[in-house]
Structures are given as C-alpha cells and as structure tokens.
N, C-alpha and C. Protein backbone atom coordinates (compact mmCIF):
# COMPACT_ATOMS: atom_id res chain seq x y z
N ASP A 1 -46.15 -1.27 64.24
CA ASP A 1 -45.84 -0.68 62.94
C ASP A 1 -44.36 -0.35 62.82
N VAL A 2 -43.82 0.19 63.88
CA VAL A 2 -42.41 0.56 63.87
C VAL A 2 -41.55 -0.68 63.67
N VAL A 3 -41.96 -1.80 64.28
CA VAL A 3 -41.21 -3.06 64.14
C VAL A 3 -41.28 -3.54 62.71
N LYS A 4 -42.44 -3.43 62.10
CA LYS A 4 -42.60 -3.84 60.70
C LYS A 4 -41.71 -2.98 59.81
N ASP A 5 -41.74 -1.65 60.06
CA ASP A 5 -40.90 -0.74 59.27
C ASP A 5 -39.43 -1.07 59.46
N LEU A 6 -39.07 -1.40 60.69
CA LEU A 6 -37.68 -1.74 61.00
C LEU A 6 -37.29 -3.02 60.26
N ASP A 7 -38.15 -4.03 60.32
CA ASP A 7 -37.88 -5.28 59.60
C ASP A 7 -37.78 -5.04 58.10
N SER A 8 -38.68 -4.24 57.57
CA SER A 8 -38.69 -3.91 56.15
C SER A 8 -37.42 -3.17 55.77
N THR A 9 -36.98 -2.25 56.62
CA THR A 9 -35.76 -1.50 56.37
C THR A 9 -34.55 -2.42 56.41
N LYS A 10 -34.55 -3.38 57.37
CA LYS A 10 -33.46 -4.36 57.46
C LYS A 10 -33.37 -5.16 56.17
N LYS A 11 -34.56 -5.62 55.68
CA LYS A 11 -34.60 -6.40 54.44
C LYS A 11 -34.06 -5.56 53.29
N ASP A 12 -34.51 -4.30 53.23
CA ASP A 12 -34.04 -3.40 52.16
C ASP A 12 -32.53 -3.21 52.24
N LEU A 13 -32.02 -3.06 53.49
CA LEU A 13 -30.58 -2.88 53.68
C LEU A 13 -29.82 -4.13 53.26
N LYS A 14 -30.34 -5.32 53.61
CA LYS A 14 -29.70 -6.56 53.21
C LYS A 14 -29.69 -6.67 51.68
N SER A 15 -30.81 -6.31 51.08
CA SER A 15 -30.92 -6.36 49.61
C SER A 15 -29.95 -5.37 48.98
N LEU A 16 -29.91 -4.16 49.54
CA LEU A 16 -28.99 -3.16 49.02
C LEU A 16 -27.54 -3.57 49.24
N SER A 17 -27.26 -4.21 50.38
CA SER A 17 -25.92 -4.69 50.68
C SER A 17 -25.52 -5.75 49.64
N GLY A 18 -26.44 -6.64 49.31
CA GLY A 18 -26.19 -7.66 48.28
C GLY A 18 -25.94 -7.01 46.92
N ASP A 19 -26.79 -6.01 46.61
CA ASP A 19 -26.63 -5.29 45.34
C ASP A 19 -25.28 -4.58 45.29
N LEU A 20 -24.89 -3.99 46.45
CA LEU A 20 -23.61 -3.28 46.53
C LEU A 20 -22.46 -4.26 46.31
N LYS A 21 -22.55 -5.45 46.95
CA LYS A 21 -21.51 -6.46 46.77
C LYS A 21 -21.43 -6.87 45.30
N GLN A 22 -22.58 -7.10 44.67
CA GLN A 22 -22.61 -7.47 43.25
C GLN A 22 -21.99 -6.36 42.40
N ALA A 23 -22.33 -5.12 42.74
CA ALA A 23 -21.79 -3.98 41.99
C ALA A 23 -20.27 -3.91 42.15
N GLN A 24 -19.78 -4.15 43.39
CA GLN A 24 -18.34 -4.13 43.64
C GLN A 24 -17.64 -5.24 42.86
N ILE A 25 -18.27 -6.43 42.83
CA ILE A 25 -17.70 -7.55 42.07
C ILE A 25 -17.64 -7.19 40.58
N GLU A 26 -18.72 -6.59 40.08
CA GLU A 26 -18.78 -6.18 38.67
C GLU A 26 -17.73 -5.11 38.36
N ILE A 27 -17.56 -4.15 39.28
CA ILE A 27 -16.55 -3.10 39.12
C ILE A 27 -15.16 -3.71 39.05
N THR A 28 -14.88 -4.66 39.97
CA THR A 28 -13.58 -5.34 39.98
C THR A 28 -13.37 -6.07 38.66
N ARG A 29 -14.41 -6.78 38.19
CA ARG A 29 -14.32 -7.51 36.93
C ARG A 29 -14.05 -6.55 35.77
N LEU A 30 -14.74 -5.44 35.75
CA LEU A 30 -14.55 -4.46 34.69
C LEU A 30 -13.16 -3.82 34.73
N LYS A 31 -12.66 -3.59 35.96
CA LYS A 31 -11.30 -3.05 36.09
C LYS A 31 -10.28 -4.04 35.54
N ASP A 32 -10.46 -5.33 35.87
CA ASP A 32 -9.56 -6.36 35.37
C ASP A 32 -9.64 -6.43 33.84
N LEU A 33 -10.85 -6.37 33.33
CA LEU A 33 -11.04 -6.40 31.88
C LEU A 33 -10.37 -5.19 31.22
N ASN A 34 -10.51 -4.04 31.85
CA ASN A 34 -9.89 -2.81 31.35
C ASN A 34 -8.37 -2.95 31.29
N LYS A 35 -7.79 -3.51 32.37
CA LYS A 35 -6.33 -3.73 32.40
C LYS A 35 -5.92 -4.66 31.27
N SER A 36 -6.69 -5.72 31.13
CA SER A 36 -6.41 -6.70 30.09
C SER A 36 -6.47 -6.06 28.70
N LEU A 37 -7.50 -5.24 28.50
CA LEU A 37 -7.65 -4.56 27.21
C LEU A 37 -6.51 -3.59 26.96
N HIS A 38 -6.08 -2.88 27.98
CA HIS A 38 -4.94 -1.96 27.83
C HIS A 38 -3.67 -2.73 27.46
N GLY A 39 -3.48 -3.88 28.11
CA GLY A 39 -2.33 -4.73 27.78
C GLY A 39 -2.39 -5.21 26.34
N THR A 40 -3.57 -5.66 25.92
CA THR A 40 -3.76 -6.13 24.55
C THR A 40 -3.52 -5.00 23.56
N LEU A 41 -4.04 -3.83 23.88
CA LEU A 41 -3.85 -2.66 23.02
C LEU A 41 -2.38 -2.29 22.92
N ALA A 42 -1.68 -2.31 24.03
CA ALA A 42 -0.25 -1.99 24.03
C ALA A 42 0.51 -2.99 23.16
N LYS A 43 0.17 -4.28 23.29
CA LYS A 43 0.82 -5.31 22.47
C LYS A 43 0.52 -5.07 21.00
N ALA A 44 -0.75 -4.75 20.70
CA ALA A 44 -1.15 -4.52 19.31
C ALA A 44 -0.41 -3.31 18.73
N LYS A 45 -0.29 -2.25 19.54
CA LYS A 45 0.43 -1.06 19.08
C LYS A 45 1.89 -1.40 18.80
N THR A 46 2.50 -2.15 19.72
CA THR A 46 3.90 -2.55 19.55
C THR A 46 4.05 -3.38 18.29
N LYS A 47 3.15 -4.34 18.12
CA LYS A 47 3.21 -5.20 16.93
C LYS A 47 3.01 -4.37 15.67
N HIS A 48 2.04 -3.45 15.71
CA HIS A 48 1.77 -2.58 14.55
C HIS A 48 3.00 -1.73 14.24
N ASN A 49 3.60 -1.13 15.27
CA ASN A 49 4.79 -0.31 15.06
C ASN A 49 5.93 -1.13 14.49
N THR A 50 6.10 -2.34 15.02
CA THR A 50 7.16 -3.22 14.52
C THR A 50 6.90 -3.57 13.06
N THR A 51 5.66 -3.94 12.76
CA THR A 51 5.29 -4.28 11.39
C THR A 51 5.46 -3.08 10.48
N ASN A 52 5.01 -1.93 10.97
CA ASN A 52 5.11 -0.70 10.19
C ASN A 52 6.56 -0.35 9.93
N THR A 53 7.39 -0.45 10.95
CA THR A 53 8.82 -0.15 10.82
C THR A 53 9.46 -1.09 9.81
N ALA A 54 9.12 -2.37 9.89
CA ALA A 54 9.67 -3.35 8.95
C ALA A 54 9.22 -3.03 7.53
N LEU A 55 7.96 -2.65 7.39
CA LEU A 55 7.43 -2.32 6.06
C LEU A 55 8.13 -1.09 5.50
N ILE A 56 8.30 -0.08 6.34
CA ILE A 56 8.99 1.15 5.91
C ILE A 56 10.42 0.82 5.49
N LYS A 57 11.11 0.00 6.28
CA LYS A 57 12.48 -0.39 5.95
C LYS A 57 12.51 -1.13 4.61
N GLN A 58 11.58 -2.05 4.44
CA GLN A 58 11.51 -2.83 3.21
C GLN A 58 11.25 -1.92 2.00
N LEU A 59 10.33 -0.97 2.17
CA LEU A 59 10.02 -0.04 1.08
C LEU A 59 11.22 0.84 0.73
N ARG A 60 11.93 1.31 1.76
CA ARG A 60 13.13 2.13 1.51
C ARG A 60 14.17 1.32 0.75
N GLU A 61 14.39 0.07 1.17
CA GLU A 61 15.35 -0.79 0.49
C GLU A 61 14.93 -1.02 -0.96
N GLU A 62 13.64 -1.21 -1.18
CA GLU A 62 13.12 -1.42 -2.53
C GLU A 62 13.35 -0.17 -3.39
N ILE A 63 13.12 1.00 -2.80
CA ILE A 63 13.33 2.26 -3.53
C ILE A 63 14.79 2.40 -3.92
N VAL A 64 15.69 2.16 -2.96
CA VAL A 64 17.13 2.26 -3.24
C VAL A 64 17.51 1.27 -4.34
N SER A 65 16.99 0.06 -4.25
CA SER A 65 17.28 -0.96 -5.25
C SER A 65 16.81 -0.52 -6.64
N ARG A 66 15.60 0.01 -6.70
CA ARG A 66 15.04 0.48 -7.98
C ARG A 66 15.85 1.65 -8.53
N GLU A 67 16.26 2.56 -7.64
CA GLU A 67 17.06 3.71 -8.09
C GLU A 67 18.40 3.24 -8.65
N ARG A 68 19.03 2.26 -7.99
CA ARG A 68 20.30 1.71 -8.48
C ARG A 68 20.10 1.06 -9.84
N GLU A 69 19.02 0.29 -9.96
CA GLU A 69 18.71 -0.37 -11.24
C GLU A 69 18.50 0.67 -12.34
N LEU A 70 17.79 1.72 -12.00
CA LEU A 70 17.54 2.80 -12.96
C LEU A 70 18.84 3.44 -13.41
N LEU A 71 19.73 3.72 -12.47
CA LEU A 71 21.04 4.30 -12.81
C LEU A 71 21.84 3.35 -13.68
N ARG A 72 21.81 2.05 -13.32
CA ARG A 72 22.56 1.06 -14.10
C ARG A 72 22.06 1.02 -15.54
N VAL A 73 20.74 0.97 -15.69
CA VAL A 73 20.15 0.93 -17.03
C VAL A 73 20.48 2.21 -17.80
N LYS A 74 20.42 3.33 -17.10
CA LYS A 74 20.72 4.62 -17.74
C LYS A 74 22.17 4.64 -18.23
N HIS A 75 23.11 4.22 -17.37
CA HIS A 75 24.53 4.21 -17.75
C HIS A 75 24.77 3.21 -18.88
N GLU A 76 24.09 2.07 -18.79
CA GLU A 76 24.23 1.06 -19.84
C GLU A 76 23.74 1.63 -21.17
N GLY A 77 22.63 2.35 -21.12
CA GLY A 77 22.08 2.99 -22.32
C GLY A 77 23.05 4.01 -22.89
N ILE A 78 23.68 4.78 -22.01
CA ILE A 78 24.65 5.78 -22.46
C ILE A 78 25.84 5.09 -23.12
N ARG A 79 26.33 3.99 -22.52
CA ARG A 79 27.45 3.25 -23.11
C ARG A 79 27.06 2.70 -24.48
N LYS A 80 25.87 2.11 -24.57
CA LYS A 80 25.41 1.55 -25.85
C LYS A 80 25.27 2.66 -26.88
N GLU A 81 24.73 3.77 -26.44
CA GLU A 81 24.55 4.92 -27.34
C GLU A 81 25.91 5.39 -27.83
N SER A 82 26.88 5.45 -26.95
CA SER A 82 28.23 5.87 -27.30
C SER A 82 28.84 4.90 -28.31
N LYS A 83 28.68 3.59 -28.06
CA LYS A 83 29.20 2.58 -28.99
C LYS A 83 28.50 2.71 -30.34
N THR A 84 27.19 2.94 -30.31
CA THR A 84 26.43 3.10 -31.54
C THR A 84 26.92 4.31 -32.32
N ARG A 85 27.18 5.40 -31.62
CA ARG A 85 27.69 6.61 -32.28
C ARG A 85 29.05 6.34 -32.92
N GLU A 86 29.90 5.62 -32.16
CA GLU A 86 31.23 5.27 -32.70
C GLU A 86 31.08 4.44 -33.97
N LYS A 87 30.20 3.45 -33.90
CA LYS A 87 29.97 2.56 -35.04
C LYS A 87 29.46 3.37 -36.24
N GLU A 88 28.47 4.24 -35.98
CA GLU A 88 27.93 5.07 -37.05
C GLU A 88 29.00 5.98 -37.64
N HIS A 89 29.86 6.52 -36.80
CA HIS A 89 30.94 7.40 -37.26
C HIS A 89 31.90 6.62 -38.17
N LYS A 90 32.27 5.41 -37.75
CA LYS A 90 33.16 4.57 -38.56
C LYS A 90 32.52 4.25 -39.90
N GLU A 91 31.22 3.90 -39.86
CA GLU A 91 30.50 3.60 -41.11
C GLU A 91 30.45 4.83 -42.01
N ARG A 92 30.23 5.99 -41.43
CA ARG A 92 30.18 7.24 -42.19
C ARG A 92 31.54 7.50 -42.85
N LEU A 93 32.63 7.27 -42.06
CA LEU A 93 33.97 7.46 -42.62
C LEU A 93 34.22 6.51 -43.79
N LYS A 94 33.81 5.24 -43.63
CA LYS A 94 33.97 4.27 -44.70
C LYS A 94 33.20 4.70 -45.95
N LEU A 95 31.94 5.16 -45.71
CA LEU A 95 31.11 5.60 -46.84
C LEU A 95 31.72 6.83 -47.53
N GLU A 96 32.22 7.77 -46.72
CA GLU A 96 32.84 8.96 -47.30
C GLU A 96 34.07 8.57 -48.12
N GLU A 97 34.85 7.60 -47.61
CA GLU A 97 36.03 7.12 -48.33
C GLU A 97 35.60 6.47 -49.65
N LYS A 98 34.55 5.64 -49.58
CA LYS A 98 34.03 4.97 -50.76
C LYS A 98 33.54 5.98 -51.78
N VAL A 99 32.80 7.01 -51.31
CA VAL A 99 32.31 8.08 -52.19
C VAL A 99 33.49 8.78 -52.85
N GLY A 100 34.53 9.05 -52.03
CA GLY A 100 35.74 9.69 -52.58
C GLY A 100 36.36 8.84 -53.68
N GLN A 101 36.46 7.53 -53.45
CA GLN A 101 37.03 6.62 -54.46
C GLN A 101 36.18 6.61 -55.72
N LEU A 102 34.84 6.56 -55.53
CA LEU A 102 33.94 6.54 -56.68
C LEU A 102 34.01 7.85 -57.46
N GLN A 103 34.14 8.98 -56.73
CA GLN A 103 34.25 10.28 -57.41
C GLN A 103 35.55 10.33 -58.21
N ALA A 104 36.62 9.77 -57.63
CA ALA A 104 37.90 9.72 -58.35
C ALA A 104 37.77 8.87 -59.60
N LYS A 105 37.11 7.70 -59.49
CA LYS A 105 36.90 6.83 -60.66
C LYS A 105 36.05 7.55 -61.71
N LEU A 106 35.02 8.27 -61.23
CA LEU A 106 34.15 9.02 -62.13
C LEU A 106 34.95 10.09 -62.87
N ALA A 107 35.79 10.78 -62.13
CA ALA A 107 36.62 11.83 -62.76
C ALA A 107 37.53 11.21 -63.81
N VAL A 108 38.12 10.06 -63.48
CA VAL A 108 39.00 9.37 -64.45
C VAL A 108 38.19 8.94 -65.67
N ALA A 109 37.00 8.39 -65.43
CA ALA A 109 36.16 7.92 -66.54
C ALA A 109 35.72 9.08 -67.42
N GLU A 110 35.35 10.21 -66.80
CA GLU A 110 34.93 11.39 -67.58
C GLU A 110 36.11 11.92 -68.39
N GLN A 111 37.27 11.91 -67.76
CA GLN A 111 38.47 12.40 -68.45
C GLN A 111 38.79 11.48 -69.65
N SER A 112 38.66 10.16 -69.42
CA SER A 112 38.91 9.20 -70.51
C SER A 112 37.90 9.43 -71.63
N ARG A 113 36.66 9.66 -71.30
CA ARG A 113 35.62 9.87 -72.31
C ARG A 113 35.91 11.12 -73.13
N GLU A 114 36.33 12.18 -72.41
CA GLU A 114 36.67 13.43 -73.11
C GLU A 114 37.84 13.19 -74.06
N GLU A 115 38.82 12.44 -73.58
CA GLU A 115 39.98 12.20 -74.43
C GLU A 115 39.60 11.34 -75.63
N LEU A 116 38.69 10.39 -75.41
CA LEU A 116 38.26 9.53 -76.52
C LEU A 116 37.40 10.29 -77.50
N SER A 117 36.66 11.27 -77.03
CA SER A 117 35.77 12.01 -77.92
C SER A 117 36.54 13.04 -78.76
N LYS A 118 37.78 13.30 -78.46
CA LYS A 118 38.57 14.27 -79.24
C LYS A 118 39.05 13.68 -80.50
C-alpha cells in the first residue's frame, strides 16, 4: 500500500510539476504581454499628447487670426463710417447753402411783389 501511495504521490508531483511549468510559461507570457501593452499605451499617450498639442496650437492660431480679422473689419467699419459722416456733412453744407440761396431769392421775389403791389 505504501508503494502504491508513493507511486500515486510521484504521479501527482509530476502532474503538479507540469502544471507549475505551464503556469510559469503563462506568467512569463502575461508579463511579456503586459510590457507590450505598457509600451503601446506609452506610444498612444505620446501620440495623443502630440496630436492634442498640435490641435491646441492650431486653435490658438485660428483664434488669433479671427481676432485680427475682427479688428480689421472693425477699423474698416470705423473708417467707412468716418468717410460717410464726412460725405453727409458736405452734403448738409451744400443743402444749407442751397437753402440760403433759395431764401435769398424768395426774399427778393417777395420784395419785388411788394414793390409791384404798391
């Protein structure tokens, strides 16, 4: 009986030894996979940061460009407005001069009418 138990124990030990070797191989494989995944993750993070940085830079440049365009349009509007005011002022002066001339003609005509009615 002792011999049978000993043989059975040897078989169990051999089986366990095989299982242990398989487990060690699997552990090594998983460690390698883990390293590989960490490397891939690091690359992905670097790529993401690079992409993100480029996007941020592009957005900042776009904002600056839009702000410059806005200022340009605003200044252009102010210049146009100023020119329009000048034009309107000149037209107003011409109209006032014309009104003055017409009032003078009216005064002359009224005076002539009064003189004719006497």
